[in-house]
Amino acid sequence: MKVGSVLKKTLKLVENFFRDKYGGNMVEYALLIGFSLFIFFIIVGIITSLINWTIGQSNGLFELLG
């Protein structure tokens, strides 16, 4: 087989995948999962920074008292 025909066949398969309603749904699901992971890591980062801040405040209080 020639490289050009293999490339055309591959491009046709990719095009059909994205035009098919099931392929489009899979892409949407992948984007939703990626977005939810992004939001999850942002929330985890905020919570860990709050925990570190409270630990720092309690250490400062203990140094002030004793």
PDB file of N, CA and C in Angstrom:
ATOM      1  N   MET A   1       0.838  -1.186   0.000  1.00  0.00           N
ATOM      2  CA  MET A   1       0.000   0.000   0.000  1.00  0.00           C
ATOM      3  C   MET A   1       0.879   1.244   0.000  1.00  0.00           C
ATOM      4  N   LYS A   2       0.371   2.249  -0.611  1.00  0.00           N
ATOM      5  CA  LYS A   2       1.090   3.508  -0.639  1.00  0.00           C
ATOM      6  C   LYS A   2       0.791   4.314   0.624  1.00  0.00           C
ATOM      7  N   VAL A   3       1.735   5.159   0.966  1.00  0.00           N
ATOM      8  CA  VAL A   3       1.587   5.973   2.173  1.00  0.00           C
ATOM      9  C   VAL A   3       0.398   6.917   2.030  1.00  0.00           C
ATOM     10  N   GLY A   4       0.197   7.458   0.852  1.00  0.00           N
ATOM     11  CA  GLY A   4      -0.914   8.391   0.624  1.00  0.00           C
ATOM     12  C   GLY A   4      -2.266   7.749   0.835  1.00  0.00           C
ATOM     13  N   SER A   5      -2.435   6.522   0.374  1.00  0.00           N
ATOM     14  CA  SER A   5      -3.728   5.862   0.549  1.00  0.00           C
ATOM     15  C   SER A   5      -3.973   5.510   2.014  1.00  0.00           C
ATOM     16  N   VAL A   6      -2.915   5.122   2.721  1.00  0.00           N
ATOM     17  CA  VAL A   6      -3.059   4.828   4.154  1.00  0.00           C
ATOM     18  C   VAL A   6      -3.412   6.106   4.910  1.00  0.00           C
ATOM     19  N   LEU A   7      -2.776   7.204   4.550  1.00  0.00           N
ATOM     20  CA  LEU A   7      -3.062   8.476   5.209  1.00  0.00           C
ATOM     21  C   LEU A   7      -4.488   8.925   4.938  1.00  0.00           C
ATOM     22  N   LYS A   8      -4.946   8.803   3.702  1.00  0.00           N
ATOM     23  CA  LYS A   8      -6.321   9.177   3.370  1.00  0.00           C
ATOM     24  C   LYS A   8      -7.317   8.313   4.123  1.00  0.00           C
ATOM     25  N   LYS A   9      -7.043   7.014   4.204  1.00  0.00           N
ATOM     26  CA  LYS A   9      -7.946   6.114   4.913  1.00  0.00           C
ATOM     27  C   LYS A   9      -8.007   6.462   6.407  1.00  0.00           C
ATOM     28  N   THR A  10      -6.854   6.789   6.985  1.00  0.00           N
ATOM     29  CA  THR A  10      -6.810   7.158   8.396  1.00  0.00           C
ATOM     30  C   THR A  10      -7.553   8.456   8.647  1.00  0.00           C
ATOM     31  N   LEU A  11      -7.352   9.444   7.784  1.00  0.00           N
ATOM     32  CA  LEU A  11      -8.061  10.715   7.932  1.00  0.00           C
ATOM     33  C   LEU A  11      -9.568  10.534   7.783  1.00  0.00           C
ATOM     34  N   LYS A  12      -9.977   9.656   6.881  1.00  0.00           N
ATOM     35  CA  LYS A  12     -11.404   9.384   6.703  1.00  0.00           C
ATOM     36  C   LYS A  12     -11.995   8.739   7.954  1.00  0.00           C
ATOM     37  N   LEU A  13     -11.250   7.814   8.565  1.00  0.00           N
ATOM     38  CA  LEU A  13     -11.726   7.178   9.792  1.00  0.00           C
ATOM     39  C   LEU A  13     -11.849   8.185  10.935  1.00  0.00           C
ATOM     40  N   VAL A  14     -10.874   9.091  11.053  1.00  0.00           N
ATOM     41  CA  VAL A  14     -10.924  10.106  12.105  1.00  0.00           C
ATOM     42  C   VAL A  14     -12.099  11.051  11.871  1.00  0.00           C
ATOM     43  N   GLU A  15     -12.305  11.430  10.610  1.00  0.00           N
ATOM     44  CA  GLU A  15     -13.420  12.321  10.281  1.00  0.00           C
ATOM     45  C   GLU A  15     -14.751  11.656  10.596  1.00  0.00           C
ATOM     46  N   ASN A  16     -14.903  10.399  10.249  1.00  0.00           N
ATOM     47  CA  ASN A  16     -16.147   9.680  10.560  1.00  0.00           C
ATOM     48  C   ASN A  16     -16.351   9.540  12.060  1.00  0.00           C
ATOM     49  N   PHE A  17     -15.262   9.358  12.802  1.00  0.00           N
ATOM     50  CA  PHE A  17     -15.372   9.238  14.258  1.00  0.00           C
ATOM     51  C   PHE A  17     -15.931  10.510  14.871  1.00  0.00           C
ATOM     52  N   PHE A  18     -15.448  11.672  14.436  1.00  0.00           N
ATOM     53  CA  PHE A  18     -15.903  12.919  15.026  1.00  0.00           C
ATOM     54  C   PHE A  18     -17.280  13.343  14.511  1.00  0.00           C
ATOM     55  N   ARG A  19     -17.680  12.892  13.344  1.00  0.00           N
ATOM     56  CA  ARG A  19     -19.008  13.229  12.830  1.00  0.00           C
ATOM     57  C   ARG A  19     -20.085  12.290  13.339  1.00  0.00           C
ATOM     58  N   ASP A  20     -19.692  11.105  13.770  1.00  0.00           N
ATOM     59  CA  ASP A  20     -20.641  10.145  14.304  1.00  0.00           C
ATOM     60  C   ASP A  20     -21.163  10.664  15.642  1.00  0.00           C
ATOM     61  N   LYS A  21     -22.423  10.431  15.934  1.00  0.00           N
ATOM     62  CA  LYS A  21     -22.984  10.961  17.173  1.00  0.00           C
ATOM     63  C   LYS A  21     -22.377  10.307  18.397  1.00  0.00           C
ATOM     64  N   TYR A  22     -21.930   9.076  18.291  1.00  0.00           N
ATOM     65  CA  TYR A  22     -21.314   8.410  19.436  1.00  0.00           C
ATOM     66  C   TYR A  22     -19.897   8.921  19.665  1.00  0.00           C
ATOM     67  N   GLY A  23     -19.167   9.187  18.629  1.00  0.00           N
ATOM     68  CA  GLY A  23     -17.832   9.744  18.772  1.00  0.00           C
ATOM     69  C   GLY A  23     -17.872  11.134  19.374  1.00  0.00           C
ATOM     70  N   GLY A  24     -18.829  11.938  18.943  1.00  0.00           N
ATOM     71  CA  GLY A  24     -18.993  13.272  19.508  1.00  0.00           C
ATOM     72  C   GLY A  24     -19.320  13.206  20.982  1.00  0.00           C
ATOM     73  N   ASN A  25     -20.138  12.244  21.368  1.00  0.00           N
ATOM     74  CA  ASN A  25     -20.459  12.091  22.775  1.00  0.00           C
ATOM     75  C   ASN A  25     -19.229  11.698  23.579  1.00  0.00           C
ATOM     76  N   MET A  26     -18.388  10.852  23.015  1.00  0.00           N
ATOM     77  CA  MET A  26     -17.177  10.450  23.726  1.00  0.00           C
ATOM     78  C   MET A  26     -16.247  11.636  23.924  1.00  0.00           C
ATOM     79  N   VAL A  27     -16.163  12.503  22.934  1.00  0.00           N
ATOM     80  CA  VAL A  27     -15.332  13.694  23.062  1.00  0.00           C
ATOM     81  C   VAL A  27     -15.907  14.622  24.130  1.00  0.00           C
ATOM     82  N   GLU A  28     -17.215  14.777  24.159  1.00  0.00           N
ATOM     83  CA  GLU A  28     -17.842  15.613  25.178  1.00  0.00           C
ATOM     84  C   GLU A  28     -17.599  15.049  26.572  1.00  0.00           C
ATOM     85  N   TYR A  29     -17.723  13.741  26.722  1.00  0.00           N
ATOM     86  CA  TYR A  29     -17.473  13.119  28.021  1.00  0.00           C
ATOM     87  C   TYR A  29     -16.021  13.315  28.441  1.00  0.00           C
ATOM     88  N   ALA A  30     -15.092  13.195  27.523  1.00  0.00           N
ATOM     89  CA  ALA A  30     -13.678  13.399  27.851  1.00  0.00           C
ATOM     90  C   ALA A  30     -13.432  14.837  28.291  1.00  0.00           C
ATOM     91  N   LEU A  31     -14.052  15.798  27.620  1.00  0.00           N
ATOM     92  CA  LEU A  31     -13.900  17.193  28.019  1.00  0.00           C
ATOM     93  C   LEU A  31     -14.510  17.455  29.388  1.00  0.00           C
ATOM     94  N   LEU A  32     -15.665  16.852  29.674  1.00  0.00           N
ATOM     95  CA  LEU A  32     -16.290  17.030  30.978  1.00  0.00           C
ATOM     96  C   LEU A  32     -15.441  16.425  32.088  1.00  0.00           C
ATOM     97  N   ILE A  33     -14.860  15.257  31.842  1.00  0.00           N
ATOM     98  CA  ILE A  33     -14.002  14.629  32.843  1.00  0.00           C
ATOM     99  C   ILE A  33     -12.758  15.475  33.081  1.00  0.00           C
ATOM    100  N   GLY A  34     -12.166  15.989  32.023  1.00  0.00           N
ATOM    101  CA  GLY A  34     -10.991  16.848  32.169  1.00  0.00           C
ATOM    102  C   GLY A  34     -11.297  18.118  32.933  1.00  0.00           C
ATOM    103  N   PHE A  35     -12.437  18.732  32.644  1.00  0.00           N
ATOM    104  CA  PHE A  35     -12.826  19.956  33.345  1.00  0.00           C
ATOM    105  C   PHE A  35     -13.093  19.672  34.820  1.00  0.00           C
ATOM    106  N   SER A  36     -13.758  18.546  35.109  1.00  0.00           N
ATOM    107  CA  SER A  36     -14.045  18.218  36.506  1.00  0.00           C
ATOM    108  C   SER A  36     -12.754  17.920  37.270  1.00  0.00           C
ATOM    109  N   LEU A  37     -11.776  17.260  36.627  1.00  0.00           N
ATOM    110  CA  LEU A  37     -10.487  17.045  37.289  1.00  0.00           C
ATOM    111  C   LEU A  37      -9.769  18.365  37.554  1.00  0.00           C
ATOM    112  N   PHE A  38      -9.854  19.292  36.617  1.00  0.00           N
ATOM    113  CA  PHE A  38      -9.245  20.610  36.788  1.00  0.00           C
ATOM    114  C   PHE A  38      -9.851  21.333  37.992  1.00  0.00           C
ATOM    115  N   ILE A  39     -11.161  21.344  38.095  1.00  0.00           N
ATOM    116  CA  ILE A  39     -11.843  21.987  39.220  1.00  0.00           C
ATOM    117  C   ILE A  39     -11.507  21.274  40.525  1.00  0.00           C
ATOM    118  N   PHE A  40     -11.438  19.937  40.497  1.00  0.00           N
ATOM    119  CA  PHE A  40     -11.108  19.165  41.694  1.00  0.00           C
ATOM    120  C   PHE A  40      -9.734  19.545  42.225  1.00  0.00           C
ATOM    121  N   PHE A  41      -8.749  19.657  41.339  1.00  0.00           N
ATOM    122  CA  PHE A  41      -7.406  19.998  41.799  1.00  0.00           C
ATOM    123  C   PHE A  41      -7.322  21.438  42.291  1.00  0.00           C
ATOM    124  N   ILE A  42      -8.109  22.323  41.738  1.00  0.00           N
ATOM    125  CA  ILE A  42      -8.157  23.694  42.253  1.00  0.00           C
ATOM    126  C   ILE A  42      -8.718  23.699  43.669  1.00  0.00           C
ATOM    127  N   ILE A  43      -9.804  22.964  43.902  1.00  0.00           N
ATOM    128  CA  ILE A  43     -10.408  22.899  45.238  1.00  0.00           C
ATOM    129  C   ILE A  43      -9.448  22.265  46.236  1.00  0.00           C
ATOM    130  N   VAL A  44      -8.771  21.196  45.846  1.00  0.00           N
ATOM    131  CA  VAL A  44      -7.804  20.551  46.736  1.00  0.00           C
ATOM    132  C   VAL A  44      -6.664  21.512  47.071  1.00  0.00           C
ATOM    133  N   GLY A  45      -6.195  22.282  46.107  1.00  0.00           N
ATOM    134  CA  GLY A  45      -5.146  23.263  46.369  1.00  0.00           C
ATOM    135  C   GLY A  45      -5.584  24.335  47.350  1.00  0.00           C
ATOM    136  N   ILE A  46      -6.814  24.804  47.210  1.00  0.00           N
ATOM    137  CA  ILE A  46      -7.327  25.824  48.129  1.00  0.00           C
ATOM    138  C   ILE A  46      -7.444  25.256  49.538  1.00  0.00           C
ATOM    139  N   ILE A  47      -7.946  24.044  49.675  1.00  0.00           N
ATOM    140  CA  ILE A  47      -8.111  23.437  50.991  1.00  0.00           C
ATOM    141  C   ILE A  47      -6.763  23.207  51.661  1.00  0.00           C
ATOM    142  N   THR A  48      -5.769  22.731  50.895  1.00  0.00           N
ATOM    143  CA  THR A  48      -4.452  22.509  51.505  1.00  0.00           C
ATOM    144  C   THR A  48      -3.793  23.824  51.918  1.00  0.00           C
ATOM    145  N   SER A  49      -4.005  24.886  51.164  1.00  0.00           N
ATOM    146  CA  SER A  49      -3.440  26.171  51.570  1.00  0.00           C
ATOM    147  C   SER A  49      -4.128  26.693  52.829  1.00  0.00           C
ATOM    148  N   LEU A  50      -5.442  26.450  52.961  1.00  0.00           N
ATOM    149  CA  LEU A  50      -6.139  26.846  54.186  1.00  0.00           C
ATOM    150  C   LEU A  50      -5.639  26.049  55.390  1.00  0.00           C
ATOM    151  N   ILE A  51      -5.395  24.767  55.194  1.00  0.00           N
ATOM    152  CA  ILE A  51      -4.891  23.934  56.287  1.00  0.00           C
ATOM    153  C   ILE A  51      -3.492  24.395  56.695  1.00  0.00           C
ATOM    154  N   ASN A  52      -2.638  24.682  55.717  1.00  0.00           N
ATOM    155  CA  ASN A  52      -1.294  25.174  56.036  1.00  0.00           C
ATOM    156  C   ASN A  52      -1.344  26.507  56.758  1.00  0.00           C
ATOM    157  N   TRP A  53      -2.284  27.375  56.387  1.00  0.00           N
ATOM    158  CA  TRP A  53      -2.415  28.670  57.045  1.00  0.00           C
ATOM    159  C   TRP A  53      -2.835  28.493  58.498  1.00  0.00           C
ATOM    160  N   THR A  54      -3.792  27.596  58.766  1.00  0.00           N
ATOM    161  CA  THR A  54      -4.241  27.395  60.148  1.00  0.00           C
ATOM    162  C   THR A  54      -3.137  26.758  60.990  1.00  0.00           C
ATOM    163  N   ILE A  55      -2.344  25.870  60.412  1.00  0.00           N
ATOM    164  CA  ILE A  55      -1.221  25.274  61.157  1.00  0.00           C
ATOM    165  C   ILE A  55      -0.203  26.351  61.492  1.00  0.00           C
ATOM    166  N   GLY A  56       0.060  27.236  60.561  1.00  0.00           N
ATOM    167  CA  GLY A  56       0.991  28.340  60.820  1.00  0.00           C
ATOM    168  C   GLY A  56       0.477  29.269  61.912  1.00  0.00           C
ATOM    169  N   GLN A  57      -0.812  29.531  61.907  1.00  0.00           N
ATOM    170  CA  GLN A  57      -1.396  30.397  62.944  1.00  0.00           C
ATOM    171  C   GLN A  57      -1.316  29.733  64.317  1.00  0.00           C
ATOM    172  N   SER A  58      -1.585  28.439  64.379  1.00  0.00           N
ATOM    173  CA  SER A  58      -1.521  27.751  65.680  1.00  0.00           C
ATOM    174  C   SER A  58      -0.085  27.689  66.184  1.00  0.00           C
ATOM    175  N   ASN A  59       0.885  27.490  65.287  1.00  0.00           N
ATOM    176  CA  ASN A  59       2.291  27.512  65.715  1.00  0.00           C
ATOM    177  C   ASN A  59       2.687  28.881  66.235  1.00  0.00           C
ATOM    178  N   GLY A  60       2.195  29.926  65.602  1.00  0.00           N
ATOM    179  CA  GLY A  60       2.472  31.290  66.081  1.00  0.00           C
ATOM    180  C   GLY A  60       1.858  31.536  67.437  1.00  0.00           C
ATOM    181  N   LEU A  61       0.688  31.006  67.694  1.00  0.00           N
ATOM    182  CA  LEU A  61       0.038  31.167  68.985  1.00  0.00           C
ATOM    183  C   LEU A  61       0.835  30.441  70.069  1.00  0.00           C
ATOM    184  N   PHE A  62       1.282  29.227  69.790  1.00  0.00           N
ATOM    185  CA  PHE A  62       2.047  28.475  70.772  1.00  0.00           C
ATOM    186  C   PHE A  62       3.397  29.141  71.073  1.00  0.00           C
ATOM    187  N   GLU A  63       4.009  29.770  70.057  1.00  0.00           N
ATOM    188  CA  GLU A  63       5.262  30.490  70.300  1.00  0.00           C
ATOM    189  C   GLU A  63       5.017  31.743  71.137  1.00  0.00           C
ATOM    190  N   LEU A  64       3.854  32.365  70.938  1.00  0.00           N
ATOM    191  CA  LEU A  64       3.522  33.565  71.711  1.00  0.00           C
ATOM    192  C   LEU A  64       3.244  33.212  73.163  1.00  0.00           C
ATOM    193  N   LEU A  65       2.574  32.092  73.394  1.00  0.00           N
ATOM    194  CA  LEU A  65       2.218  31.704  74.766  1.00  0.00           C
ATOM    195  C   LEU A  65       3.370  31.065  75.520  1.00  0.00           C
ATOM    196  N   GLY A  66       4.238  30.370  74.840  1.00  0.00           N
ATOM    197  CA  GLY A  66       5.214  29.619  75.627  1.00  0.00           C
ATOM    198  C   GLY A  66       6.547  29.697  75.073  1.00  0.00           C
TER     199      GLY A  66
END
